[in-house]
Amino acid sequence: MQLSSLIMAATSIPHRWKYDVFVSFRGKDIRKTFMDHLFNNFRQKGIHAFRDDRELPKGEEISPQLYKAIEESRFLIVIFFKNYASSSWCLRELVKILECKLIESPKHEVRSIFYDVRPDSVRKQKRSYEEAFCRHEFSNATEVDKCKEALSMATNLSGWDLKGITNGFESKFINSISREILKKICDRPLHVGENLVGIDFHFEKLNLSRLVGSDKVTTTLTAISSDILGDSRATCRWGYLSLATCRWGMS
């Protein structure tokens, strides 16, 4: 059965997004480096990303909770690393992500990131990807075919190439990713995480209450927001600043 035919049997997915982003990656390779920087950048910019730092034991099936997190995330990002295909877990995540892509309502945004591998190597399963499939022990040949088709489909989607976009500079690369995501999700309220600490102290120090009744309130908040997010369209993402000012009698 081809991956595209699975859409006929797909169940409906809730329309309310719980997460802005779900990222599929092989944790062993880049969890403490690139992924840590990417998740920190998302958090700083108010992008609510699903994050699971647990390693799945070899041979264990993906939990229903993980599949649900994929369904409830607007952006589904796949990070292709040299060893991505060596993980049957990652390949099953990829199949699920492409199944969600085929569902028109709600509309998921699926993107690929090519970290240290060329799109052509992934599309045609060359080099490390070819070696990985030779070693895999899937339950049946049908699953292998679905994974291969999912890889080919993913490389034809919009995405980012580390070498091609920023010549290997990771910080610039990560910023370009978050900026594009913000442009898509800035039409909805900013997720205010539980770990937003120290905001009271900084607002008290700014003494913005002296601007009550003045247009300078909006101007000041917009300037702060734009500086934090580094994007001219960031003005729609300063919800947490507005919430904080309400506590100081500025609403």
Protein backbone atom coordinates (compact mmCIF):
# COMPACT_ATOMS: atom_id res chain seq x y z
CA MET A 1 0.00 0.00 0.00
CA GLN A 2 1.39 3.38 -1.02
CA LEU A 3 1.64 6.19 1.51
CA SER A 4 -0.66 8.39 -0.56
CA SER A 5 -3.45 5.82 -0.34
CA LEU A 6 -3.47 6.02 3.46
CA ILE A 7 -5.32 9.32 3.27
CA MET A 8 -8.49 7.42 2.42
CA ALA A 9 -8.49 5.78 5.83
CA ALA A 10 -7.19 8.74 7.83
CA THR A 11 -9.29 9.97 10.73
CA SER A 12 -10.00 13.64 11.26
CA ILE A 13 -7.54 15.66 13.31
CA PRO A 14 -8.59 18.36 15.82
CA HIS A 15 -8.44 21.86 14.32
CA ARG A 16 -7.02 23.54 17.42
CA TRP A 17 -3.23 23.49 17.37
CA LYS A 18 -1.63 22.58 20.68
CA TYR A 19 1.90 23.21 19.43
CA ASP A 20 3.39 25.51 16.84
CA VAL A 21 6.16 23.08 15.91
CA PHE A 22 7.02 19.39 16.08
CA VAL A 23 10.56 18.43 15.07
CA SER A 24 11.55 14.93 13.98
CA PHE A 25 15.27 14.26 14.43
CA ARG A 26 17.65 11.54 15.52
CA GLY A 27 18.37 12.66 19.07
CA LYS A 28 21.63 10.82 19.49
CA ASP A 29 23.33 12.97 16.86
CA ILE A 30 22.29 16.57 17.47
CA ARG A 31 20.16 16.73 20.65
CA LYS A 32 22.73 18.64 22.73
CA THR A 33 24.04 20.85 19.91
CA PHE A 34 21.90 22.05 17.01
CA MET A 35 18.57 21.00 18.52
CA ASP A 36 19.28 22.65 21.87
CA HIS A 37 20.07 25.92 20.07
CA LEU A 38 16.99 25.60 17.86
CA PHE A 39 14.62 24.97 20.78
CA ASN A 40 16.13 27.85 22.75
CA ASN A 41 15.61 30.16 19.77
CA PHE A 42 12.00 29.01 19.47
CA ARG A 43 11.37 29.66 23.15
CA GLN A 44 12.92 33.14 23.01
CA LYS A 45 10.69 34.08 20.09
CA GLY A 46 7.50 32.67 21.60
CA ILE A 47 7.25 29.68 19.26
CA HIS A 48 5.68 26.81 21.20
CA ALA A 49 7.50 23.61 20.19
CA PHE A 50 6.86 20.07 21.35
CA ARG A 51 9.99 18.74 23.02
CA ASP A 52 10.63 15.21 24.20
CA ASP A 53 14.18 14.63 25.43
CA ARG A 54 13.70 10.96 26.15
CA GLU A 55 15.52 8.39 24.05
CA LEU A 56 13.32 5.58 22.74
CA PRO A 57 14.82 2.17 23.58
CA LYS A 58 15.82 0.13 20.55
CA GLY A 59 12.90 -1.77 19.09
CA GLU A 60 10.23 0.07 21.08
CA GLU A 61 7.17 1.36 19.25
CA ILE A 62 6.32 5.06 19.16
CA SER A 63 3.73 5.92 21.79
CA PRO A 64 0.23 7.16 20.87
CA GLN A 65 1.06 10.37 22.76
CA LEU A 66 3.89 11.11 20.32
CA TYR A 67 1.66 10.54 17.32
CA LYS A 68 -0.91 12.84 18.92
CA ALA A 69 1.74 15.56 19.36
CA ILE A 70 2.46 15.32 15.62
CA GLU A 71 -1.24 15.68 14.79
CA GLU A 72 -1.61 18.70 17.08
CA SER A 73 1.39 20.64 15.71
CA ARG A 74 0.96 23.16 12.91
CA PHE A 75 4.56 23.01 11.65
CA LEU A 76 6.07 19.54 11.18
CA ILE A 77 9.81 19.77 10.62
CA VAL A 78 12.06 16.87 9.64
CA ILE A 79 15.80 17.28 10.16
CA PHE A 80 17.71 15.08 7.75
CA PHE A 81 21.05 14.11 9.20
CA LYS A 82 23.46 11.52 7.81
CA ASN A 83 22.20 8.93 10.28
CA TYR A 84 18.50 9.88 10.27
CA ALA A 85 17.42 6.80 8.30
CA SER A 86 19.29 4.46 10.62
CA SER A 87 16.52 5.02 13.16
CA SER A 88 13.33 3.07 12.44
CA TRP A 89 11.66 5.36 15.00
CA CYS A 90 12.51 8.46 12.92
CA LEU A 91 11.26 6.80 9.74
CA ARG A 92 7.93 5.94 11.38
CA GLU A 93 7.64 9.55 12.57
CA LEU A 94 8.29 10.67 9.01
CA VAL A 95 5.53 8.43 7.64
CA LYS A 96 3.10 9.87 10.19
CA ILE A 97 4.15 13.42 9.30
CA LEU A 98 3.55 12.81 5.59
CA GLU A 99 0.16 11.27 6.38
CA CYS A 100 -0.75 14.52 8.19
CA LYS A 101 0.52 16.49 5.20
CA LEU A 102 -1.99 14.71 2.96
CA ILE A 103 -4.90 15.75 5.17
CA GLU A 104 -6.28 19.06 3.91
CA SER A 105 -8.10 20.05 7.10
CA PRO A 106 -6.45 21.10 9.28
CA LYS A 107 -3.57 22.18 7.06
CA HIS A 108 -0.18 21.19 8.42
CA GLU A 109 2.95 23.03 7.26
CA VAL A 110 5.66 20.42 6.58
CA ARG A 111 9.28 21.45 6.10
CA SER A 112 12.58 19.62 5.66
CA ILE A 113 15.95 20.67 7.04
CA PHE A 114 19.05 19.25 5.38
CA TYR A 115 21.70 19.50 8.06
CA ASP A 116 24.76 17.65 6.75
CA VAL A 117 23.31 15.69 3.85
CA ARG A 118 22.27 16.68 0.34
CA PRO A 119 18.61 16.41 -0.73
CA ASP A 120 19.54 14.11 -3.59
CA SER A 121 21.11 11.59 -1.19
CA VAL A 122 17.87 11.46 0.78
CA ARG A 123 15.56 11.37 -2.24
CA LYS A 124 17.37 8.50 -3.93
CA GLN A 125 18.49 6.83 -0.67
CA LYS A 126 22.18 7.05 -1.49
CA ARG A 127 25.24 6.58 0.73
CA SER A 128 24.31 6.42 4.43
CA TYR A 129 20.59 6.18 3.60
CA GLU A 130 21.15 3.20 1.33
CA GLU A 131 23.29 1.53 3.99
CA ALA A 132 20.63 2.17 6.64
CA PHE A 133 17.90 0.39 4.68
CA CYS A 134 20.18 -2.56 4.13
CA ARG A 135 20.50 -2.95 7.91
CA HIS A 136 16.87 -2.29 8.86
CA GLU A 137 14.66 -5.03 10.16
CA PHE A 138 11.11 -3.83 9.63
CA SER A 139 8.09 -5.95 10.32
CA ASN A 140 7.34 -6.34 6.61
CA ALA A 141 8.27 -5.16 3.12
CA THR A 142 5.24 -2.84 2.99
CA GLU A 143 6.67 -0.76 5.84
CA VAL A 144 9.98 -0.43 4.03
CA ASP A 145 8.21 0.81 0.89
CA LYS A 146 6.23 3.38 2.90
CA CYS A 147 9.41 4.72 4.52
CA LYS A 148 11.20 5.02 1.18
CA GLU A 149 8.24 6.80 -0.38
CA ALA A 150 8.03 9.16 2.60
CA LEU A 151 11.71 10.08 2.17
CA SER A 152 11.19 10.88 -1.51
CA MET A 153 8.09 12.96 -0.78
CA ALA A 154 9.79 14.92 2.00
CA THR A 155 12.67 16.05 -0.21
CA ASN A 156 10.21 17.62 -2.66
CA LEU A 157 8.67 19.85 0.00
CA SER A 158 9.78 23.36 0.94
CA GLY A 159 12.71 23.37 3.30
CA TRP A 160 16.04 24.71 4.42
CA ASP A 161 19.58 23.63 3.50
CA LEU A 162 22.25 24.61 6.05
CA LYS A 163 24.99 24.85 3.44
CA GLY A 164 22.85 26.50 0.81
CA ILE A 165 21.16 29.21 2.90
CA THR A 166 23.79 30.46 5.38
CA ASN A 167 26.94 28.68 4.21
CA GLY A 168 27.01 26.57 7.36
CA PHE A 169 26.52 29.34 9.94
CA GLU A 170 24.07 27.70 12.35
CA SER A 171 22.91 30.76 14.29
CA LYS A 172 21.91 32.58 11.09
CA PHE A 173 20.32 29.39 9.81
CA ILE A 174 18.21 28.97 12.94
CA ASN A 175 17.10 32.59 12.82
CA SER A 176 15.95 32.21 9.22
CA ILE A 177 13.87 29.17 10.24
CA SER A 178 12.19 30.88 13.18
CA ARG A 179 11.45 34.02 11.16
CA GLU A 180 9.60 32.03 8.51
CA ILE A 181 7.61 30.17 11.15
CA LEU A 182 6.68 33.44 12.88
CA LYS A 183 5.34 34.88 9.63
CA LYS A 184 2.94 31.95 9.43
CA ILE A 185 1.78 31.87 13.04
CA CYS A 186 1.72 35.54 14.00
CA ASP A 187 -2.00 35.64 13.33
CA ARG A 188 -2.66 33.78 16.60
CA PRO A 189 -1.90 34.58 20.26
CA LEU A 190 1.61 34.07 21.57
CA HIS A 191 2.08 30.98 23.74
CA VAL A 192 3.16 32.12 27.20
CA GLY A 193 5.23 29.31 28.70
CA GLU A 194 5.41 28.42 32.36
CA ASN A 195 9.11 29.28 32.48
CA LEU A 196 8.79 32.97 31.62
CA VAL A 197 10.52 34.20 34.76
CA GLY A 198 11.84 37.60 35.79
CA ILE A 199 9.39 39.62 33.70
CA ASP A 200 8.01 41.50 36.70
CA PHE A 201 11.44 42.78 37.68
CA HIS A 202 12.23 44.05 34.18
CA PHE A 203 8.91 45.84 33.77
CA GLU A 204 9.22 47.46 37.16
CA LYS A 205 12.69 48.66 36.19
CA LEU A 206 11.34 50.11 32.91
CA ASN A 207 8.67 52.05 34.86
CA LEU A 208 6.35 52.00 31.88
CA SER A 209 3.43 53.12 34.07
CA ARG A 210 4.55 56.71 33.53
CA LEU A 211 3.43 56.35 29.91
CA VAL A 212 -0.21 55.53 30.74
CA GLY A 213 -2.57 57.46 28.50
CA SER A 214 0.11 58.05 25.91
CA ASP A 215 0.73 56.61 22.45
CA LYS A 216 4.26 55.96 23.69
CA VAL A 217 2.99 52.75 25.34
CA THR A 218 2.37 51.03 22.01
CA THR A 219 5.51 52.51 20.47
CA THR A 220 7.69 51.30 23.34
CA LEU A 221 6.25 47.78 23.40
CA THR A 222 6.58 47.47 19.64
CA ALA A 223 10.22 48.57 19.77
CA ILE A 224 10.98 46.04 22.51
CA SER A 225 9.20 43.27 20.63
CA SER A 226 10.98 44.01 17.35
CA ASP A 227 14.33 44.04 19.10
CA ILE A 228 13.64 40.68 20.74
CA LEU A 229 12.33 38.97 17.61
CA GLY A 230 14.46 40.67 15.00
CA ASP A 231 11.63 40.85 12.50
CA SER A 232 9.60 43.79 11.23
CA ARG A 233 6.41 41.75 11.56
CA ALA A 234 7.09 40.91 15.17
CA THR A 235 4.59 43.49 16.43
CA CYS A 236 1.86 40.86 16.44
CA ARG A 237 3.89 38.67 18.79
CA TRP A 238 4.22 40.86 21.90
CA GLY A 239 1.25 39.35 23.70
CA TYR A 240 3.32 38.48 26.75
CA LEU A 241 4.44 42.10 27.06
CA SER A 242 0.83 43.27 26.93
CA LEU A 243 -0.16 40.73 29.57
CA ALA A 244 2.61 41.92 31.81
CA THR A 245 1.65 45.59 31.47
CA CYS A 246 -1.93 44.80 32.47
CA ARG A 247 -0.58 43.77 35.85
CA TRP A 248 0.74 47.30 36.25
CA GLY A 249 -2.56 49.01 35.56
CA MET A 250 -1.82 49.86 31.96
CA SER A 251 -4.61 47.96 30.19
